[in-house]
Amino acid sequence: MELNVLEETKTRMVVELKGEDHTFCNFLKKELWNDDKVKVSTYAMNHPSIGIPRLILETSGKAPREALQDAAKRLSKNIEAFKKASEKEI
């Protein structure tokens, strides 16, 4: 994945997620909503199969970059827990 910050202010961030698709973008978007400081979390793609997704994030009382990093850490932790659980069950 390649991140390209297109816009960043104290409360808003727009980031291209080159190399990603709807699956990852939906995971990230939904995880961002778990942060009560996140006011907007969505993404858009100009073309469903060849477009580069753009994540749009708006916050209140927290820097958007910090919210994004926190969400990435939570996702990573959840994925590791799922991996360990699946290894025990299989």
N, C-alpha and C. Protein backbone atom coordinates (compact mmCIF):
# COMPACT_ATOMS: atom_id res chain seq x y z
N MET A 1 0.84 -1.17 0.00
CA MET A 1 0.00 0.00 0.00
C MET A 1 0.89 1.24 0.00
N GLU A 2 0.45 2.21 -0.74
CA GLU A 2 1.13 3.50 -0.79
C GLU A 2 0.15 4.58 -0.35
N LEU A 3 0.53 5.36 0.67
CA LEU A 3 -0.32 6.45 1.14
C LEU A 3 0.16 7.76 0.55
N ASN A 4 -0.78 8.55 0.07
CA ASN A 4 -0.46 9.85 -0.48
C ASN A 4 -1.43 10.86 0.14
N VAL A 5 -0.94 11.72 1.03
CA VAL A 5 -1.78 12.72 1.67
C VAL A 5 -2.06 13.84 0.68
N LEU A 6 -3.34 14.02 0.37
CA LEU A 6 -3.75 15.05 -0.58
C LEU A 6 -4.13 16.36 0.12
N GLU A 7 -4.63 16.22 1.35
CA GLU A 7 -5.07 17.39 2.10
C GLU A 7 -4.93 17.06 3.59
N GLU A 8 -4.45 18.02 4.36
CA GLU A 8 -4.37 17.81 5.80
C GLU A 8 -4.46 19.14 6.53
N THR A 9 -5.45 19.24 7.41
CA THR A 9 -5.60 20.39 8.28
C THR A 9 -5.71 19.86 9.71
N LYS A 10 -6.02 20.72 10.66
CA LYS A 10 -6.16 20.30 12.06
C LYS A 10 -7.31 19.33 12.26
N THR A 11 -8.31 19.41 11.38
CA THR A 11 -9.52 18.58 11.57
C THR A 11 -9.92 17.74 10.37
N ARG A 12 -9.18 17.83 9.28
CA ARG A 12 -9.57 17.11 8.05
C ARG A 12 -8.35 16.55 7.36
N MET A 13 -8.53 15.34 6.79
CA MET A 13 -7.45 14.70 6.06
C MET A 13 -8.05 13.91 4.89
N VAL A 14 -7.42 14.02 3.74
CA VAL A 14 -7.80 13.23 2.57
C VAL A 14 -6.55 12.49 2.13
N VAL A 15 -6.66 11.16 2.06
CA VAL A 15 -5.50 10.32 1.76
C VAL A 15 -5.85 9.34 0.65
N GLU A 16 -4.97 9.23 -0.35
CA GLU A 16 -5.11 8.18 -1.36
C GLU A 16 -4.49 6.90 -0.79
N LEU A 17 -5.17 5.78 -1.00
CA LEU A 17 -4.71 4.48 -0.54
C LEU A 17 -4.39 3.61 -1.76
N LYS A 18 -3.30 3.94 -2.42
CA LYS A 18 -2.93 3.26 -3.66
C LYS A 18 -2.62 1.79 -3.38
N GLY A 19 -3.20 0.91 -4.18
CA GLY A 19 -2.98 -0.51 -4.03
C GLY A 19 -4.04 -1.21 -3.18
N GLU A 20 -5.01 -0.46 -2.69
CA GLU A 20 -6.06 -1.05 -1.86
C GLU A 20 -7.39 -1.07 -2.59
N ASP A 21 -8.32 -1.86 -2.06
CA ASP A 21 -9.63 -1.99 -2.68
C ASP A 21 -10.72 -1.74 -1.63
N HIS A 22 -11.95 -2.06 -2.00
CA HIS A 22 -13.09 -1.81 -1.13
C HIS A 22 -12.98 -2.55 0.20
N THR A 23 -12.43 -3.75 0.19
CA THR A 23 -12.36 -4.55 1.40
C THR A 23 -11.59 -3.83 2.50
N PHE A 24 -10.36 -3.45 2.21
CA PHE A 24 -9.55 -2.76 3.21
C PHE A 24 -10.15 -1.41 3.58
N CYS A 25 -10.63 -0.68 2.59
CA CYS A 25 -11.19 0.65 2.86
C CYS A 25 -12.40 0.56 3.79
N ASN A 26 -13.24 -0.45 3.60
CA ASN A 26 -14.39 -0.62 4.48
C ASN A 26 -13.95 -0.96 5.90
N PHE A 27 -12.97 -1.85 6.06
CA PHE A 27 -12.44 -2.17 7.39
C PHE A 27 -11.94 -0.91 8.08
N LEU A 28 -11.14 -0.13 7.38
CA LEU A 28 -10.55 1.07 7.96
C LEU A 28 -11.61 2.11 8.29
N LYS A 29 -12.52 2.32 7.36
CA LYS A 29 -13.59 3.30 7.56
C LYS A 29 -14.41 2.95 8.81
N LYS A 30 -14.77 1.68 8.94
CA LYS A 30 -15.59 1.26 10.09
C LYS A 30 -14.80 1.34 11.39
N GLU A 31 -13.52 1.00 11.34
CA GLU A 31 -12.70 1.09 12.56
C GLU A 31 -12.55 2.54 13.00
N LEU A 32 -12.43 3.45 12.08
CA LEU A 32 -12.34 4.87 12.42
C LEU A 32 -13.58 5.34 13.19
N TRP A 33 -14.74 4.78 12.85
CA TRP A 33 -15.98 5.17 13.52
C TRP A 33 -15.98 4.76 14.99
N ASN A 34 -15.09 3.86 15.41
CA ASN A 34 -15.01 3.46 16.82
C ASN A 34 -14.36 4.53 17.69
N ASP A 35 -13.84 5.56 17.08
CA ASP A 35 -13.20 6.67 17.79
C ASP A 35 -14.24 7.80 17.93
N ASP A 36 -14.56 8.16 19.16
CA ASP A 36 -15.59 9.19 19.36
C ASP A 36 -15.17 10.58 18.90
N LYS A 37 -13.90 10.77 18.57
CA LYS A 37 -13.42 12.05 18.05
C LYS A 37 -13.56 12.15 16.52
N VAL A 38 -13.91 11.04 15.88
CA VAL A 38 -14.08 11.02 14.42
C VAL A 38 -15.50 11.46 14.08
N LYS A 39 -15.59 12.47 13.24
CA LYS A 39 -16.89 13.02 12.83
C LYS A 39 -17.29 12.57 11.42
N VAL A 40 -16.30 12.32 10.57
CA VAL A 40 -16.55 11.83 9.21
C VAL A 40 -15.49 10.80 8.89
N SER A 41 -15.95 9.64 8.41
CA SER A 41 -15.04 8.59 7.96
C SER A 41 -15.69 7.91 6.77
N THR A 42 -15.14 8.17 5.60
CA THR A 42 -15.69 7.57 4.39
C THR A 42 -14.58 7.48 3.35
N TYR A 43 -14.88 6.86 2.25
CA TYR A 43 -13.92 6.82 1.15
C TYR A 43 -14.68 6.84 -0.16
N ALA A 44 -13.97 7.17 -1.22
CA ALA A 44 -14.57 7.22 -2.55
C ALA A 44 -13.57 6.68 -3.56
N MET A 45 -14.10 6.06 -4.61
CA MET A 45 -13.28 5.59 -5.73
C MET A 45 -13.93 6.09 -7.01
N ASN A 46 -13.13 6.67 -7.89
CA ASN A 46 -13.68 7.17 -9.15
C ASN A 46 -14.14 6.04 -10.05
N HIS A 47 -13.47 4.90 -9.99
CA HIS A 47 -13.84 3.74 -10.80
C HIS A 47 -13.79 2.53 -9.89
N PRO A 48 -14.82 1.67 -9.92
CA PRO A 48 -14.89 0.57 -8.96
C PRO A 48 -13.75 -0.45 -9.04
N SER A 49 -13.14 -0.63 -10.19
CA SER A 49 -12.11 -1.67 -10.27
C SER A 49 -10.71 -1.14 -10.54
N ILE A 50 -10.57 0.07 -11.06
CA ILE A 50 -9.23 0.57 -11.33
C ILE A 50 -8.94 1.90 -10.64
N GLY A 51 -9.91 2.40 -9.89
CA GLY A 51 -9.71 3.67 -9.20
C GLY A 51 -8.84 3.54 -7.96
N ILE A 52 -8.27 4.64 -7.56
CA ILE A 52 -7.49 4.70 -6.32
C ILE A 52 -8.41 5.26 -5.24
N PRO A 53 -8.62 4.50 -4.16
CA PRO A 53 -9.52 5.00 -3.12
C PRO A 53 -8.95 6.22 -2.40
N ARG A 54 -9.86 7.13 -2.06
CA ARG A 54 -9.51 8.31 -1.29
C ARG A 54 -10.28 8.26 0.02
N LEU A 55 -9.55 8.20 1.12
CA LEU A 55 -10.15 8.20 2.44
C LEU A 55 -10.35 9.65 2.88
N ILE A 56 -11.56 9.97 3.33
CA ILE A 56 -11.87 11.30 3.83
C ILE A 56 -12.15 11.16 5.32
N LEU A 57 -11.41 11.90 6.12
CA LEU A 57 -11.49 11.78 7.57
C LEU A 57 -11.59 13.17 8.19
N GLU A 58 -12.59 13.37 9.04
CA GLU A 58 -12.74 14.62 9.77
C GLU A 58 -12.90 14.31 11.24
N THR A 59 -12.23 15.11 12.07
CA THR A 59 -12.23 14.87 13.50
C THR A 59 -12.60 16.13 14.27
N SER A 60 -12.79 15.93 15.56
CA SER A 60 -13.04 17.04 16.48
C SER A 60 -12.29 16.73 17.77
N GLY A 61 -11.30 17.53 18.10
CA GLY A 61 -10.55 17.33 19.34
C GLY A 61 -9.40 16.35 19.23
N LYS A 62 -9.09 15.92 18.04
CA LYS A 62 -7.99 14.97 17.80
C LYS A 62 -7.50 15.19 16.38
N ALA A 63 -6.20 15.13 16.20
CA ALA A 63 -5.64 15.29 14.86
C ALA A 63 -6.05 14.10 13.99
N PRO A 64 -6.44 14.33 12.74
CA PRO A 64 -6.83 13.23 11.85
C PRO A 64 -5.73 12.18 11.69
N ARG A 65 -4.49 12.62 11.63
CA ARG A 65 -3.37 11.67 11.48
C ARG A 65 -3.31 10.73 12.69
N GLU A 66 -3.53 11.28 13.86
CA GLU A 66 -3.51 10.48 15.09
C GLU A 66 -4.67 9.48 15.09
N ALA A 67 -5.84 9.92 14.67
CA ALA A 67 -7.00 9.03 14.59
C ALA A 67 -6.74 7.89 13.62
N LEU A 68 -6.12 8.20 12.49
CA LEU A 68 -5.79 7.18 11.49
C LEU A 68 -4.78 6.18 12.04
N GLN A 69 -3.76 6.67 12.71
CA GLN A 69 -2.74 5.78 13.29
C GLN A 69 -3.35 4.90 14.38
N ASP A 70 -4.21 5.46 15.20
CA ASP A 70 -4.86 4.68 16.25
C ASP A 70 -5.73 3.57 15.65
N ALA A 71 -6.48 3.90 14.62
CA ALA A 71 -7.33 2.91 13.96
C ALA A 71 -6.49 1.80 13.34
N ALA A 72 -5.37 2.15 12.74
CA ALA A 72 -4.48 1.14 12.14
C ALA A 72 -3.94 0.20 13.21
N LYS A 73 -3.59 0.74 14.37
CA LYS A 73 -3.10 -0.11 15.47
C LYS A 73 -4.18 -1.06 15.96
N ARG A 74 -5.41 -0.56 16.10
CA ARG A 74 -6.51 -1.43 16.54
C ARG A 74 -6.79 -2.52 15.52
N LEU A 75 -6.77 -2.18 14.24
CA LEU A 75 -6.98 -3.18 13.20
C LEU A 75 -5.91 -4.25 13.24
N SER A 76 -4.67 -3.83 13.39
CA SER A 76 -3.55 -4.77 13.44
C SER A 76 -3.70 -5.73 14.62
N LYS A 77 -4.08 -5.18 15.77
CA LYS A 77 -4.28 -5.99 16.97
C LYS A 77 -5.41 -7.01 16.76
N ASN A 78 -6.50 -6.57 16.16
CA ASN A 78 -7.64 -7.47 15.91
C ASN A 78 -7.28 -8.56 14.91
N ILE A 79 -6.51 -8.23 13.91
CA ILE A 79 -6.11 -9.21 12.91
C ILE A 79 -5.21 -10.27 13.54
N GLU A 80 -4.29 -9.84 14.40
CA GLU A 80 -3.41 -10.78 15.10
C GLU A 80 -4.21 -11.71 15.99
N ALA A 81 -5.19 -11.18 16.71
CA ALA A 81 -6.03 -11.99 17.59
C ALA A 81 -6.81 -13.01 16.77
N PHE A 82 -7.33 -12.60 15.62
CA PHE A 82 -8.08 -13.51 14.75
C PHE A 82 -7.16 -14.61 14.22
N LYS A 83 -5.96 -14.23 13.83
CA LYS A 83 -4.99 -15.19 13.31
C LYS A 83 -4.67 -16.25 14.36
N LYS A 84 -4.40 -15.82 15.59
CA LYS A 84 -4.09 -16.77 16.67
C LYS A 84 -5.27 -17.68 16.96
N ALA A 85 -6.47 -17.11 16.99
CA ALA A 85 -7.67 -17.92 17.26
C ALA A 85 -7.90 -18.94 16.16
N SER A 86 -7.68 -18.55 14.92
CA SER A 86 -7.92 -19.48 13.81
C SER A 86 -6.88 -20.59 13.78
N GLU A 87 -5.65 -20.29 14.21
CA GLU A 87 -4.62 -21.32 14.25
C GLU A 87 -4.93 -22.38 15.31
N LYS A 88 -5.54 -21.98 16.40
CA LYS A 88 -5.93 -22.92 17.46
C LYS A 88 -7.07 -23.82 17.02
N GLU A 89 -7.98 -23.27 16.26
CA GLU A 89 -9.20 -24.01 15.86
C GLU A 89 -8.96 -24.96 14.69
N ILE A 90 -7.99 -24.67 13.86
CA ILE A 90 -7.81 -25.47 12.65
C ILE A 90 -6.83 -26.59 12.86
